[in-house]
Structure formats: C-alpha cells, structure tokens
C-alpha cells in the first residue's frame, strides 16, 4: 500500500513534506513509511481520503481499480433533487464499502500479499 501512496504523491507533483502537512502528519512520518516500506495507521488513510477526494481509496488499499476516481461532469441545468439523492446514495454506498475495507485491514480479516497486488 505504501508504494501506491508514494506513486500518488509523485503524480500529484508535491513533495512528501507538503503531502504530510496537508494531512496534518508530523514531519517525516510518511517519508519514513515510504523509506522503510511500512504501512501507515488507519487514521492517516482517513485524513488522506478527506484531503484528496479524487484518490480512489480502494486502489490505495488493494491496488484494484484506477488511482483516481472518475470525474463526473454534469451540466448545472441537469442537477435536480432526484439526481442529488441518487448521487448521495452512491457516495454513501462507496463510503460504506471503503469503511468495510479499512476495518477489514485493521482487524486482519482482509490481507493482501505482494503477489496479489503485483
């Protein structure tokens, strides 16, 4: 997972320190994890998700899917209550799935070997 986080930071075109500051991590916390190839705590994943909403957290955790969420372009005239309700429902489902993944990683119910990730 930390390799994918490093890749995301590089593709954002920011320094690791700048990334750490944006997620309110201490100086060197992410850099040490990258250098030592160690994973980070769940609270940092939550901070990353909050600060980088375009990052696909499922990709970060599992390597499945695309790095960035697909941008959905909508004409402002098309936005209506029904669309908003469906979009909120979709986001809630995605959020629930991501919480389940994070919980599974934290409890050890979900594991991924380097062989699976590639």
N, C-alpha and C. Protein backbone atom coordinates (compact mmCIF):
# COMPACT_ATOMS: atom_id res chain seq x y z
N UNK A 1 0.82 -1.19 0.00
CA UNK A 1 0.00 0.00 0.00
C UNK A 1 0.87 1.26 0.00
N UNK A 2 1.95 1.24 0.73
CA UNK A 2 2.79 2.43 0.83
C UNK A 2 3.43 2.78 -0.51
N UNK A 3 3.66 1.75 -1.34
CA UNK A 3 4.22 2.03 -2.67
C UNK A 3 3.21 2.81 -3.51
N UNK A 4 1.93 2.46 -3.38
CA UNK A 4 0.90 3.17 -4.13
C UNK A 4 0.73 4.59 -3.61
N UNK A 5 0.86 4.77 -2.31
CA UNK A 5 0.78 6.12 -1.75
C UNK A 5 1.93 6.97 -2.28
N UNK A 6 3.11 6.41 -2.33
CA UNK A 6 4.27 7.12 -2.87
C UNK A 6 4.04 7.51 -4.33
N UNK A 7 3.47 6.58 -5.09
CA UNK A 7 3.15 6.86 -6.50
C UNK A 7 2.14 8.00 -6.61
N UNK A 8 1.11 7.97 -5.77
CA UNK A 8 0.10 9.03 -5.79
C UNK A 8 0.73 10.38 -5.48
N UNK A 9 1.58 10.43 -4.48
CA UNK A 9 2.23 11.70 -4.11
C UNK A 9 3.05 12.22 -5.28
N UNK A 10 3.82 11.34 -5.92
CA UNK A 10 4.62 11.76 -7.08
C UNK A 10 3.74 12.32 -8.19
N UNK A 11 2.64 11.63 -8.47
CA UNK A 11 1.76 12.07 -9.56
C UNK A 11 1.02 13.36 -9.23
N UNK A 12 0.90 13.67 -7.94
CA UNK A 12 0.30 14.94 -7.54
C UNK A 12 1.27 16.10 -7.74
N UNK A 13 2.55 15.77 -7.91
CA UNK A 13 3.56 16.79 -8.14
C UNK A 13 3.87 17.61 -6.89
N UNK A 14 3.69 16.98 -5.72
CA UNK A 14 4.00 17.67 -4.46
C UNK A 14 5.10 16.90 -3.74
N UNK A 15 5.77 17.59 -2.84
CA UNK A 15 6.79 16.93 -2.04
C UNK A 15 6.11 16.09 -0.97
N UNK A 16 6.83 15.11 -0.46
CA UNK A 16 6.28 14.28 0.61
C UNK A 16 5.98 15.17 1.82
N UNK A 17 6.84 16.15 2.11
CA UNK A 17 6.61 17.04 3.24
C UNK A 17 5.32 17.85 3.05
N UNK A 18 5.11 18.36 1.85
CA UNK A 18 3.89 19.10 1.57
C UNK A 18 2.66 18.21 1.77
N UNK A 19 2.77 16.96 1.32
CA UNK A 19 1.68 15.99 1.50
C UNK A 19 1.44 15.76 2.99
N UNK A 20 2.52 15.57 3.76
CA UNK A 20 2.39 15.37 5.21
C UNK A 20 1.68 16.54 5.86
N UNK A 21 2.05 17.74 5.46
CA UNK A 21 1.43 18.93 6.04
C UNK A 21 -0.06 18.99 5.72
N UNK A 22 -0.41 18.63 4.49
CA UNK A 22 -1.82 18.70 4.10
C UNK A 22 -2.68 17.73 4.90
N UNK A 23 -2.12 16.57 5.26
CA UNK A 23 -2.90 15.61 6.04
C UNK A 23 -2.64 15.74 7.54
N UNK A 24 -1.91 16.77 7.93
CA UNK A 24 -1.59 17.06 9.35
C UNK A 24 -0.74 15.99 10.01
N UNK A 25 0.15 15.39 9.23
CA UNK A 25 1.07 14.39 9.77
C UNK A 25 2.35 15.08 10.21
N UNK A 26 3.05 14.49 11.16
CA UNK A 26 4.30 15.08 11.63
C UNK A 26 5.37 14.99 10.54
N UNK A 27 6.34 15.85 10.67
CA UNK A 27 7.44 15.92 9.70
C UNK A 27 8.14 14.57 9.62
N UNK A 28 8.15 13.97 8.45
CA UNK A 28 8.86 12.72 8.21
C UNK A 28 8.05 11.46 8.41
N UNK A 29 6.82 11.57 8.90
CA UNK A 29 6.02 10.38 9.18
C UNK A 29 5.78 9.55 7.91
N UNK A 30 5.31 10.19 6.86
CA UNK A 30 5.05 9.48 5.60
C UNK A 30 6.37 9.11 4.93
N UNK A 31 7.33 10.02 4.96
CA UNK A 31 8.64 9.76 4.34
C UNK A 31 9.29 8.51 4.95
N UNK A 32 9.22 8.37 6.28
CA UNK A 32 9.80 7.19 6.93
C UNK A 32 9.06 5.91 6.51
N UNK A 33 7.74 5.99 6.42
CA UNK A 33 6.96 4.82 5.99
C UNK A 33 7.35 4.41 4.57
N UNK A 34 7.54 5.41 3.70
CA UNK A 34 7.95 5.11 2.32
C UNK A 34 9.34 4.50 2.30
N UNK A 35 10.27 5.13 3.02
CA UNK A 35 11.65 4.65 3.03
C UNK A 35 11.79 3.27 3.65
N UNK A 36 10.97 2.97 4.66
CA UNK A 36 11.05 1.69 5.36
C UNK A 36 10.07 0.65 4.81
N UNK A 37 9.28 1.06 3.81
CA UNK A 37 8.28 0.18 3.21
C UNK A 37 7.33 -0.39 4.26
N UNK A 38 6.84 0.50 5.14
CA UNK A 38 5.89 0.10 6.17
C UNK A 38 4.57 0.81 5.93
N UNK A 39 3.49 0.19 6.35
CA UNK A 39 2.17 0.78 6.17
C UNK A 39 1.92 1.85 7.23
N UNK A 40 0.87 2.62 7.02
CA UNK A 40 0.52 3.70 7.93
C UNK A 40 -0.78 3.36 8.65
N UNK A 41 -1.03 4.08 9.73
CA UNK A 41 -2.23 3.84 10.53
C UNK A 41 -3.48 4.27 9.78
N UNK A 42 -4.59 3.66 10.16
CA UNK A 42 -5.89 3.92 9.55
C UNK A 42 -6.26 5.40 9.62
N UNK A 43 -5.93 6.08 10.72
CA UNK A 43 -6.31 7.50 10.84
C UNK A 43 -5.68 8.34 9.73
N UNK A 44 -4.50 7.93 9.25
CA UNK A 44 -3.86 8.69 8.17
C UNK A 44 -4.56 8.43 6.85
N UNK A 45 -5.06 7.22 6.67
CA UNK A 45 -5.82 6.92 5.45
C UNK A 45 -7.08 7.77 5.42
N UNK A 46 -7.73 7.91 6.56
CA UNK A 46 -8.92 8.75 6.64
C UNK A 46 -8.58 10.21 6.32
N UNK A 47 -7.46 10.71 6.86
CA UNK A 47 -7.04 12.09 6.57
C UNK A 47 -6.72 12.26 5.08
N UNK A 48 -6.10 11.25 4.50
CA UNK A 48 -5.78 11.31 3.07
C UNK A 48 -7.07 11.36 2.27
N UNK A 49 -8.04 10.51 2.60
CA UNK A 49 -9.32 10.49 1.89
C UNK A 49 -10.03 11.84 2.02
N UNK A 50 -9.97 12.44 3.19
CA UNK A 50 -10.61 13.74 3.40
C UNK A 50 -9.95 14.85 2.60
N UNK A 51 -8.64 14.79 2.47
CA UNK A 51 -7.89 15.87 1.81
C UNK A 51 -7.66 15.65 0.33
N UNK A 52 -7.81 14.42 -0.13
CA UNK A 52 -7.63 14.11 -1.55
C UNK A 52 -8.84 13.31 -2.04
N UNK A 53 -9.97 13.98 -2.19
CA UNK A 53 -11.20 13.27 -2.57
C UNK A 53 -11.14 12.62 -3.95
N UNK A 54 -10.19 13.01 -4.78
CA UNK A 54 -10.07 12.38 -6.10
C UNK A 54 -9.31 11.06 -6.04
N UNK A 55 -8.67 10.75 -4.92
CA UNK A 55 -7.93 9.50 -4.78
C UNK A 55 -8.91 8.35 -4.52
N UNK A 56 -8.76 7.30 -5.28
CA UNK A 56 -9.57 6.10 -5.10
C UNK A 56 -8.95 5.29 -3.95
N UNK A 57 -9.59 5.33 -2.79
CA UNK A 57 -9.04 4.67 -1.60
C UNK A 57 -8.98 3.16 -1.78
N UNK A 58 -9.92 2.59 -2.52
CA UNK A 58 -9.85 1.15 -2.79
C UNK A 58 -8.57 0.83 -3.54
N UNK A 59 -8.20 1.67 -4.51
CA UNK A 59 -6.94 1.46 -5.24
C UNK A 59 -5.76 1.57 -4.26
N UNK A 60 -5.79 2.57 -3.40
CA UNK A 60 -4.70 2.76 -2.45
C UNK A 60 -4.53 1.52 -1.57
N UNK A 61 -5.63 0.99 -1.06
CA UNK A 61 -5.55 -0.14 -0.13
C UNK A 61 -5.28 -1.47 -0.81
N UNK A 62 -5.88 -1.68 -1.98
CA UNK A 62 -5.81 -3.02 -2.60
C UNK A 62 -5.06 -3.06 -3.93
N UNK A 63 -4.92 -1.92 -4.57
CA UNK A 63 -4.33 -1.91 -5.90
C UNK A 63 -5.34 -2.18 -7.00
N UNK A 64 -6.59 -2.37 -6.64
CA UNK A 64 -7.64 -2.65 -7.62
C UNK A 64 -8.25 -1.34 -8.10
N UNK A 65 -8.54 -1.29 -9.38
CA UNK A 65 -9.17 -0.11 -9.95
C UNK A 65 -8.14 0.93 -10.37
N UNK A 66 -8.64 2.11 -10.60
CA UNK A 66 -7.79 3.22 -11.05
C UNK A 66 -7.35 4.06 -9.86
N UNK A 67 -6.23 4.74 -10.00
CA UNK A 67 -5.71 5.58 -8.92
C UNK A 67 -6.68 6.70 -8.58
N UNK A 68 -7.22 7.33 -9.60
CA UNK A 68 -8.09 8.48 -9.39
C UNK A 68 -9.53 8.11 -9.70
N UNK A 69 -10.41 8.69 -8.93
CA UNK A 69 -11.84 8.48 -9.18
C UNK A 69 -12.19 9.17 -10.49
N UNK A 70 -13.14 8.59 -11.19
CA UNK A 70 -13.59 9.17 -12.45
C UNK A 70 -14.32 10.47 -12.17
N UNK A 71 -13.90 11.50 -12.85
CA UNK A 71 -14.57 12.79 -12.70
C UNK A 71 -15.90 12.73 -13.43
N UNK A 72 -16.92 13.12 -12.76
CA UNK A 72 -18.24 13.12 -13.38
C UNK A 72 -18.59 14.56 -13.74
N UNK A 73 -18.74 14.81 -15.03
CA UNK A 73 -19.09 16.15 -15.49
C UNK A 73 -20.58 16.24 -15.72
N UNK A 74 -21.15 17.27 -15.18
CA UNK A 74 -22.58 17.45 -15.29
C UNK A 74 -22.87 18.90 -15.66
N UNK A 75 -23.81 19.08 -16.53
CA UNK A 75 -24.29 20.41 -16.83
C UNK A 75 -25.12 20.87 -15.63
N UNK A 76 -24.87 22.07 -15.16
CA UNK A 76 -25.56 22.55 -13.96
C UNK A 76 -27.08 22.55 -14.13
N UNK A 77 -27.57 22.65 -15.37
CA UNK A 77 -29.01 22.62 -15.60
C UNK A 77 -29.61 21.23 -15.36
N UNK A 78 -28.73 20.20 -15.36
CA UNK A 78 -29.22 18.84 -15.20
C UNK A 78 -29.34 18.44 -13.73
N UNK A 79 -28.81 19.25 -12.86
CA UNK A 79 -28.84 18.90 -11.44
C UNK A 79 -30.23 19.14 -10.89
N UNK A 80 -30.79 18.10 -10.35
CA UNK A 80 -32.11 18.20 -9.73
C UNK A 80 -32.11 17.38 -8.45
N UNK A 81 -33.19 17.44 -7.72
CA UNK A 81 -33.25 16.74 -6.44
C UNK A 81 -33.08 15.24 -6.60
N UNK A 82 -33.68 14.66 -7.65
CA UNK A 82 -33.56 13.23 -7.86
C UNK A 82 -32.10 12.84 -8.10
N UNK A 83 -31.42 13.62 -8.94
CA UNK A 83 -30.01 13.35 -9.21
C UNK A 83 -29.20 13.47 -7.93
N UNK A 84 -29.43 14.52 -7.16
CA UNK A 84 -28.70 14.72 -5.91
C UNK A 84 -28.91 13.55 -4.97
N UNK A 85 -30.16 13.09 -4.85
CA UNK A 85 -30.46 11.96 -3.97
C UNK A 85 -29.73 10.70 -4.42
N UNK A 86 -29.74 10.44 -5.73
CA UNK A 86 -29.05 9.26 -6.25
C UNK A 86 -27.54 9.37 -6.05
N UNK A 87 -27.01 10.56 -6.26
CA UNK A 87 -25.57 10.77 -6.10
C UNK A 87 -25.17 10.59 -4.64
N UNK A 88 -25.95 11.13 -3.72
CA UNK A 88 -25.68 10.97 -2.29
C UNK A 88 -25.74 9.50 -1.91
N UNK A 89 -26.74 8.79 -2.43
CA UNK A 89 -26.87 7.35 -2.15
C UNK A 89 -25.64 6.60 -2.66
N UNK A 90 -25.18 6.96 -3.85
CA UNK A 90 -23.99 6.31 -4.42
C UNK A 90 -22.76 6.59 -3.54
N UNK A 91 -22.60 7.81 -3.10
CA UNK A 91 -21.47 8.17 -2.25
C UNK A 91 -21.54 7.44 -0.90
N UNK A 92 -22.73 7.32 -0.35
CA UNK A 92 -22.89 6.61 0.92
C UNK A 92 -22.51 5.14 0.77
N UNK A 93 -22.89 4.51 -0.35
CA UNK A 93 -22.54 3.11 -0.60
C UNK A 93 -21.02 2.97 -0.73
N UNK A 94 -20.41 3.89 -1.47
CA UNK A 94 -18.96 3.85 -1.65
C UNK A 94 -18.26 4.05 -0.31
N UNK A 95 -18.76 4.99 0.47
CA UNK A 95 -18.17 5.25 1.79
C UNK A 95 -18.28 4.02 2.68
N UNK A 96 -19.43 3.36 2.67
CA UNK A 96 -19.64 2.15 3.47
C UNK A 96 -18.64 1.07 3.05
N UNK A 97 -18.48 0.89 1.75
CA UNK A 97 -17.54 -0.13 1.22
C UNK A 97 -16.11 0.18 1.66
N UNK A 98 -15.72 1.45 1.60
CA UNK A 98 -14.36 1.83 1.99
C UNK A 98 -14.15 1.64 3.49
N UNK A 99 -15.16 1.95 4.28
CA UNK A 99 -15.06 1.74 5.73
C UNK A 99 -14.91 0.26 6.03
N UNK A 100 -15.66 -0.58 5.31
CA UNK A 100 -15.55 -2.03 5.50
C UNK A 100 -14.14 -2.52 5.14
N UNK A 101 -13.57 -1.98 4.06
CA UNK A 101 -12.21 -2.35 3.67
C UNK A 101 -11.20 -1.95 4.74
N UNK A 102 -11.30 -0.72 5.20
CA UNK A 102 -10.36 -0.23 6.22
C UNK A 102 -10.51 -1.06 7.50
N UNK A 103 -11.75 -1.30 7.92
CA UNK A 103 -11.98 -2.12 9.11
C UNK A 103 -11.40 -3.52 8.93
N UNK A 104 -11.58 -4.09 7.75
CA UNK A 104 -11.04 -5.42 7.48
C UNK A 104 -9.53 -5.46 7.55
N UNK A 105 -8.88 -4.42 7.06
CA UNK A 105 -7.42 -4.34 7.15
C UNK A 105 -6.99 -4.19 8.61
N UNK A 106 -7.71 -3.37 9.36
CA UNK A 106 -7.35 -3.10 10.74
C UNK A 106 -7.53 -4.35 11.62
N UNK A 107 -8.56 -5.13 11.36
CA UNK A 107 -8.82 -6.33 12.17
C UNK A 107 -8.05 -7.54 11.67
N UNK A 108 -7.48 -7.44 10.47
CA UNK A 108 -6.75 -8.56 9.90
C UNK A 108 -7.63 -9.52 9.13
N UNK A 109 -8.93 -9.19 9.02
CA UNK A 109 -9.84 -10.05 8.26
C UNK A 109 -9.54 -10.00 6.77
N UNK A 110 -8.95 -8.89 6.32
CA UNK A 110 -8.58 -8.73 4.91
C UNK A 110 -7.08 -8.54 4.85
N UNK A 111 -6.43 -9.37 4.07
CA UNK A 111 -4.99 -9.22 3.86
C UNK A 111 -4.70 -9.30 2.37
N UNK A 112 -3.62 -8.68 2.01
CA UNK A 112 -3.22 -8.69 0.60
C UNK A 112 -1.73 -9.01 0.56
N UNK A 113 -1.38 -9.98 -0.22
CA UNK A 113 0.04 -10.30 -0.37
C UNK A 113 0.61 -9.47 -1.50
N UNK A 114 1.90 -9.30 -1.49
CA UNK A 114 2.56 -8.56 -2.58
C UNK A 114 2.30 -9.22 -3.91
N UNK A 115 2.15 -10.55 -3.91
CA UNK A 115 1.89 -11.29 -5.14
C UNK A 115 0.54 -10.87 -5.74
N UNK A 116 -0.49 -10.66 -4.89
CA UNK A 116 -1.81 -10.27 -5.35
C UNK A 116 -1.79 -8.87 -5.95
N UNK A 117 -1.04 -7.98 -5.34
CA UNK A 117 -1.02 -6.58 -5.73
C UNK A 117 -0.19 -6.39 -6.98
N UNK A 118 0.81 -7.15 -7.15
CA UNK A 118 1.59 -7.06 -8.37
C UNK A 118 2.90 -6.50 -8.09
